[in-house]
């Protein structure tokens, strides 16, 4: 079973949140906390796309490198990136050097600037505050009807690297759903 587990500090957490100090901090201080600004949503969307096929721990440990390389994930600045920036990013060992994901991050910055009402407002239309609580990690879905709809909406606006699974990870990370397990000290905290 993979239910909430008590850590050395006595707090019960989702099991993934206990596997490394980086995960404990991310689980307790950020994951599931509502993100309601365009820049914050854009950053998480980029990081979730870069994570595809990799460990989230890899992304967390490279996060400051990503922030430096992508101008703090300011969509206006990233949208202005050109071929020289792509080559600079491909040579930057502080990030994940994947041309398709780099191109998608730049494309998605441009798309984010063009979304009527903004990226955050669009994403939050798909929030599910009534999503069922799960007692075991095996019950947490990889995607939902809501994440399929969000992915479809983002693709309609020109976003890339945002399938239903990436969209659901974004929803979890940004508080659009509360997937902290029942028994986890962060469940219902936001």
Protein backbone atom coordinates (compact mmCIF):
# COMPACT_ATOMS: atom_id res chain seq x y z
CA UNK A 1 0.00 0.00 0.00
CA UNK A 2 1.07 3.55 -0.58
CA UNK A 3 -0.97 5.53 1.90
CA UNK A 4 0.13 8.63 3.78
CA UNK A 5 3.22 7.86 5.87
CA UNK A 6 4.50 9.55 9.00
CA UNK A 7 7.93 11.10 8.56
CA UNK A 8 10.65 11.47 11.15
CA UNK A 9 9.10 14.81 12.11
CA UNK A 10 5.81 13.08 12.94
CA UNK A 11 3.89 14.58 10.01
CA UNK A 12 2.01 12.27 7.66
CA UNK A 13 2.77 12.87 3.98
CA UNK A 14 2.05 11.40 0.59
CA UNK A 15 4.68 8.64 0.21
CA UNK A 16 6.47 10.33 -2.71
CA UNK A 17 6.96 13.37 -0.48
CA UNK A 18 9.27 11.45 1.86
CA UNK A 19 11.78 9.97 -0.58
CA UNK A 20 14.29 12.86 -0.62
CA UNK A 21 14.75 16.19 1.21
CA UNK A 22 13.96 18.04 -2.05
CA UNK A 23 10.65 16.20 -2.25
CA UNK A 24 9.78 16.92 1.39
CA UNK A 25 10.23 20.65 0.82
CA UNK A 26 8.35 20.61 -2.49
CA UNK A 27 5.51 18.51 -1.03
CA UNK A 28 5.12 20.63 2.10
CA UNK A 29 5.71 24.11 0.69
CA UNK A 30 4.53 24.11 -2.91
CA UNK A 31 2.77 21.10 -4.44
CA UNK A 32 -0.96 21.67 -4.46
CA UNK A 33 -0.72 25.29 -3.34
CA UNK A 34 -2.87 27.47 -5.65
CA UNK A 35 -0.92 29.27 -8.37
CA UNK A 36 -3.09 31.97 -9.91
CA UNK A 37 -0.70 34.10 -11.95
CA UNK A 38 0.25 33.60 -15.59
CA UNK A 39 4.00 33.53 -14.97
CA UNK A 40 3.67 30.94 -12.20
CA UNK A 41 1.42 28.74 -14.34
CA UNK A 42 3.74 29.11 -17.33
CA UNK A 43 6.74 28.06 -15.21
CA UNK A 44 4.96 24.96 -13.90
CA UNK A 45 3.71 24.08 -17.37
CA UNK A 46 7.26 24.27 -18.75
CA UNK A 47 8.70 22.23 -15.90
CA UNK A 48 6.01 19.56 -16.25
CA UNK A 49 6.75 19.32 -19.98
CA UNK A 50 10.50 19.07 -19.36
CA UNK A 51 9.82 16.36 -16.77
CA UNK A 52 8.11 14.12 -19.31
CA UNK A 53 10.07 10.87 -19.35
CA UNK A 54 12.32 11.94 -16.47
CA UNK A 55 12.26 11.93 -12.69
CA UNK A 56 10.61 14.97 -11.10
CA UNK A 57 13.60 15.05 -8.73
CA UNK A 58 15.83 15.81 -11.74
CA UNK A 59 13.64 18.80 -12.58
CA UNK A 60 13.52 20.05 -8.99
CA UNK A 61 17.30 19.92 -8.75
CA UNK A 62 17.68 21.81 -12.03
CA UNK A 63 14.92 24.31 -11.30
CA UNK A 64 17.19 27.27 -10.54
CA UNK A 65 19.11 26.52 -13.74
CA UNK A 66 15.83 26.55 -15.66
CA UNK A 67 14.83 29.84 -14.03
CA UNK A 68 18.13 31.46 -14.99
CA UNK A 69 18.09 30.06 -18.53
CA UNK A 70 14.45 31.04 -19.15
CA UNK A 71 14.58 34.56 -17.65
CA UNK A 72 12.58 33.63 -14.57
CA UNK A 73 9.94 32.12 -16.87
CA UNK A 74 8.76 35.58 -17.88
CA UNK A 75 6.56 34.73 -20.89
CA UNK A 76 7.27 38.06 -22.63
CA UNK A 77 11.03 37.53 -22.44
CA UNK A 78 10.89 33.87 -23.45
CA UNK A 79 8.51 34.65 -26.33
CA UNK A 80 11.24 36.88 -27.77
CA UNK A 81 13.80 34.03 -27.84
CA UNK A 82 15.25 33.25 -31.24
CA UNK A 83 17.61 30.68 -32.80
CA UNK A 84 20.64 31.96 -30.86
CA UNK A 85 18.75 31.45 -27.61
CA UNK A 86 17.82 27.91 -28.61
CA UNK A 87 21.51 27.14 -29.23
CA UNK A 88 22.43 28.76 -25.90
CA UNK A 89 19.86 26.58 -24.13
CA UNK A 90 21.03 23.45 -25.94
CA UNK A 91 24.53 24.09 -24.55
CA UNK A 92 23.34 24.82 -20.99
CA UNK A 93 24.06 21.83 -18.74
CA UNK A 94 22.05 23.38 -15.90
CA UNK A 95 18.79 22.45 -17.70
CA UNK A 96 17.42 19.45 -19.57
CA UNK A 97 18.76 19.88 -23.10
CA UNK A 98 15.99 18.59 -25.31
CA UNK A 99 15.37 20.64 -28.46
CA UNK A 100 11.70 19.67 -28.79
CA UNK A 101 11.01 20.66 -25.17
CA UNK A 102 12.99 23.90 -25.52
CA UNK A 103 11.09 24.77 -28.70
CA UNK A 104 7.81 23.97 -26.92
CA UNK A 105 8.72 26.24 -23.98
CA UNK A 106 9.35 29.14 -26.36
CA UNK A 107 6.22 28.38 -28.39
CA UNK A 108 4.17 28.10 -25.19
CA UNK A 109 5.39 31.50 -23.97
CA UNK A 110 4.06 33.02 -27.19
CA UNK A 111 0.81 31.09 -26.83
CA UNK A 112 0.47 32.18 -23.18
CA UNK A 113 0.65 35.82 -24.22
CA UNK A 114 -2.15 35.29 -26.73
CA UNK A 115 -4.64 33.45 -24.50
CA UNK A 116 -7.69 35.70 -24.06
CA UNK A 117 -8.00 36.53 -20.37
CA UNK A 118 -4.61 34.96 -19.61
CA UNK A 119 -3.20 31.51 -18.99
CA UNK A 120 -4.12 31.37 -15.30
CA UNK A 121 -7.75 32.32 -15.87
CA UNK A 122 -8.01 29.70 -18.61
CA UNK A 123 -6.45 26.95 -16.49
CA UNK A 124 -8.56 27.76 -13.43
CA UNK A 125 -11.75 27.25 -15.44
CA UNK A 126 -10.84 23.54 -15.22
CA UNK A 127 -10.24 23.45 -11.47
CA UNK A 128 -12.01 20.65 -9.65
CA UNK A 129 -12.44 21.56 -5.97
CA UNK A 130 -14.75 18.55 -5.58
CA UNK A 131 -12.29 15.95 -6.88
CA UNK A 132 -12.50 12.83 -4.73
CA UNK A 133 -9.96 12.35 -1.97
CA UNK A 134 -7.73 9.32 -2.33
CA UNK A 135 -6.37 7.21 0.52
CA UNK A 136 -3.83 5.34 -1.62
CA UNK A 137 -1.48 6.48 -4.39
CA UNK A 138 -2.76 3.68 -6.62
CA UNK A 139 -6.14 5.45 -6.67
CA UNK A 140 -4.75 8.77 -7.94
CA UNK A 141 -5.46 9.02 -11.67
CA UNK A 142 -2.84 9.87 -14.29
CA UNK A 143 -5.40 12.10 -16.00
CA UNK A 144 -9.07 13.05 -15.70
CA UNK A 145 -11.82 14.34 -17.92
CA UNK A 146 -10.90 17.80 -16.63
CA UNK A 147 -7.24 17.41 -17.60
CA UNK A 148 -8.25 16.12 -21.04
CA UNK A 149 -10.42 19.20 -21.48
CA UNK A 150 -7.64 21.52 -20.23
CA UNK A 151 -5.10 19.92 -22.59
CA UNK A 152 -7.53 20.28 -25.49
CA UNK A 153 -8.14 23.94 -24.64
CA UNK A 154 -4.42 24.70 -24.35
CA UNK A 155 -3.73 22.94 -27.67
CA UNK A 156 -6.53 24.97 -29.24
CA UNK A 157 -4.55 28.07 -28.23
CA UNK A 158 -1.36 26.68 -29.79
CA UNK A 159 0.36 25.11 -26.76
CA UNK A 160 2.57 22.07 -27.31
CA UNK A 161 3.75 19.24 -25.03
CA UNK A 162 0.51 19.41 -23.04
CA UNK A 163 -1.31 16.11 -23.16
CA UNK A 164 -3.88 15.07 -20.54
CA UNK A 165 -1.21 13.61 -18.22
CA UNK A 166 0.94 16.75 -18.29
CA UNK A 167 -2.19 18.87 -17.84
CA UNK A 168 -3.18 16.79 -14.81
CA UNK A 169 0.29 17.10 -13.28
CA UNK A 170 -0.06 20.86 -13.77
CA UNK A 171 -3.48 20.79 -12.08
CA UNK A 172 -2.04 18.87 -9.11
CA UNK A 173 1.03 21.08 -8.78
CA UNK A 174 -0.93 24.34 -9.02
CA UNK A 175 -3.81 23.47 -6.72
CA UNK A 176 -6.52 23.06 -9.33
CA UNK A 177 -7.15 19.70 -7.64
CA UNK A 178 -6.12 18.55 -4.17
CA UNK A 179 -4.45 15.18 -4.63
CA UNK A 180 -2.74 15.08 -1.24
CA UNK A 181 -3.83 11.75 0.19
CA UNK A 182 -6.32 11.51 3.03
CA UNK A 183 -4.21 11.44 6.16
CA UNK A 184 -1.55 13.73 4.63
CA UNK A 185 -1.02 16.85 6.70
CA UNK A 186 -1.34 19.02 3.56
CA UNK A 187 -4.71 17.60 2.47
CA UNK A 188 -7.23 20.44 2.45
CA UNK A 189 -4.61 22.97 3.56
CA UNK A 190 -5.32 25.34 0.71
